[in-house]
């Protein structure tokens, strides 16, 4: 599963993580695309998306071996 798909799955299935991303970072599901989930430059979402994926793994929404 690609990174964008993994992040979208977590945001779709976890109210807690979706609220955290929306409230603390003002980022919404539609703000994410293939480029900015891999952007680690200032203003990019790469690090945040990595954290979303880690939270999704801890909530058993994703499995680590499913991520590309």
C-alpha atoms as a PDB file:
ATOM      1  CA  UNK A   1       0.000   0.000   0.000  1.00  0.00           C
ATOM      2  CA  UNK A   2       1.369   3.411  -0.933  1.00  0.00           C
ATOM      3  CA  UNK A   3       1.851   6.102   1.684  1.00  0.00           C
ATOM      4  CA  UNK A   4      -1.075   8.269   0.532  1.00  0.00           C
ATOM      5  CA  UNK A   5      -3.449   5.308   0.617  1.00  0.00           C
ATOM      6  CA  UNK A   6      -2.228   4.347   4.102  1.00  0.00           C
ATOM      7  CA  UNK A   7      -2.730   7.877   5.448  1.00  0.00           C
ATOM      8  CA  UNK A   8      -6.197   8.090   3.899  1.00  0.00           C
ATOM      9  CA  UNK A   9      -7.192   4.758   5.415  1.00  0.00           C
ATOM     10  CA  UNK A  10      -6.121   5.844   8.885  1.00  0.00           C
ATOM     11  CA  UNK A  11      -7.965   9.167   8.598  1.00  0.00           C
ATOM     12  CA  UNK A  12     -11.071   7.394   7.308  1.00  0.00           C
ATOM     13  CA  UNK A  13     -11.231   4.834  10.101  1.00  0.00           C
ATOM     14  CA  UNK A  14      -9.915   6.669  13.170  1.00  0.00           C
ATOM     15  CA  UNK A  15     -11.961   9.531  14.567  1.00  0.00           C
ATOM     16  CA  UNK A  16      -9.278  10.221  17.184  1.00  0.00           C
ATOM     17  CA  UNK A  17      -6.454  10.611  14.660  1.00  0.00           C
ATOM     18  CA  UNK A  18      -8.595  12.568  12.187  1.00  0.00           C
ATOM     19  CA  UNK A  19      -9.613  15.012  14.933  1.00  0.00           C
ATOM     20  CA  UNK A  20      -5.996  15.361  16.103  1.00  0.00           C
ATOM     21  CA  UNK A  21      -4.776  16.165  12.569  1.00  0.00           C
ATOM     22  CA  UNK A  22      -7.647  18.568  11.935  1.00  0.00           C
ATOM     23  CA  UNK A  23      -7.531  20.379  15.270  1.00  0.00           C
ATOM     24  CA  UNK A  24      -3.774  20.565  15.869  1.00  0.00           C
ATOM     25  CA  UNK A  25      -2.499  20.863  12.309  1.00  0.00           C
ATOM     26  CA  UNK A  26      -5.501  22.262  10.389  1.00  0.00           C
ATOM     27  CA  UNK A  27      -5.028  19.593   7.726  1.00  0.00           C
ATOM     28  CA  UNK A  28      -8.001  17.834   6.197  1.00  0.00           C
ATOM     29  CA  UNK A  29      -8.361  14.610   4.219  1.00  0.00           C
ATOM     30  CA  UNK A  30      -8.607  16.500   0.906  1.00  0.00           C
ATOM     31  CA  UNK A  31      -5.428  18.501   1.620  1.00  0.00           C
ATOM     32  CA  UNK A  32      -3.277  15.417   1.132  1.00  0.00           C
ATOM     33  CA  UNK A  33      -1.977  14.261  -2.239  1.00  0.00           C
ATOM     34  CA  UNK A  34       0.752  12.003  -3.613  1.00  0.00           C
ATOM     35  CA  UNK A  35       3.379  14.764  -3.550  1.00  0.00           C
ATOM     36  CA  UNK A  36       2.876  16.401  -0.190  1.00  0.00           C
ATOM     37  CA  UNK A  37       2.707  13.150   1.820  1.00  0.00           C
ATOM     38  CA  UNK A  38       6.305  12.568   0.697  1.00  0.00           C
ATOM     39  CA  UNK A  39       7.455  16.167   1.152  1.00  0.00           C
ATOM     40  CA  UNK A  40       9.857  16.503   4.081  1.00  0.00           C
ATOM     41  CA  UNK A  41      10.751  20.120   3.348  1.00  0.00           C
ATOM     42  CA  UNK A  42       9.341  22.900   5.566  1.00  0.00           C
ATOM     43  CA  UNK A  43       5.631  23.170   4.825  1.00  0.00           C
ATOM     44  CA  UNK A  44       5.426  19.583   3.597  1.00  0.00           C
ATOM     45  CA  UNK A  45       3.405  16.874   5.303  1.00  0.00           C
ATOM     46  CA  UNK A  46       5.936  14.013   5.176  1.00  0.00           C
ATOM     47  CA  UNK A  47       6.756  13.833   8.877  1.00  0.00           C
ATOM     48  CA  UNK A  48       3.134  14.296   9.924  1.00  0.00           C
ATOM     49  CA  UNK A  49       2.031  11.553   7.537  1.00  0.00           C
ATOM     50  CA  UNK A  50       4.664   9.206   8.958  1.00  0.00           C
ATOM     51  CA  UNK A  51       3.228   9.903  12.392  1.00  0.00           C
ATOM     52  CA  UNK A  52      -0.338   9.310  11.139  1.00  0.00           C
ATOM     53  CA  UNK A  53       0.762   5.935   9.789  1.00  0.00           C
ATOM     54  CA  UNK A  54       2.474   5.021  13.078  1.00  0.00           C
ATOM     55  CA  UNK A  55      -0.682   5.934  14.997  1.00  0.00           C
ATOM     56  CA  UNK A  56      -2.726   3.843  12.546  1.00  0.00           C
ATOM     57  CA  UNK A  57      -0.460   0.873  13.155  1.00  0.00           C
ATOM     58  CA  UNK A  58      -0.807   1.287  16.928  1.00  0.00           C
ATOM     59  CA  UNK A  59      -4.616   1.329  16.547  1.00  0.00           C
ATOM     60  CA  UNK A  60      -4.487  -1.816  14.363  1.00  0.00           C
ATOM     61  CA  UNK A  61      -5.892   0.014  11.343  1.00  0.00           C
ATOM     62  CA  UNK A  62      -2.742  -0.817   9.374  1.00  0.00           C
ATOM     63  CA  UNK A  63      -0.086  -3.470   9.540  1.00  0.00           C
ATOM     64  CA  UNK A  64       3.529  -2.387   9.146  1.00  0.00           C
ATOM     65  CA  UNK A  65       4.251  -4.993   6.482  1.00  0.00           C
ATOM     66  CA  UNK A  66       1.414  -3.645   4.288  1.00  0.00           C
ATOM     67  CA  UNK A  67       3.150  -0.286   3.811  1.00  0.00           C
ATOM     68  CA  UNK A  68       5.387   0.204   0.746  1.00  0.00           C
END
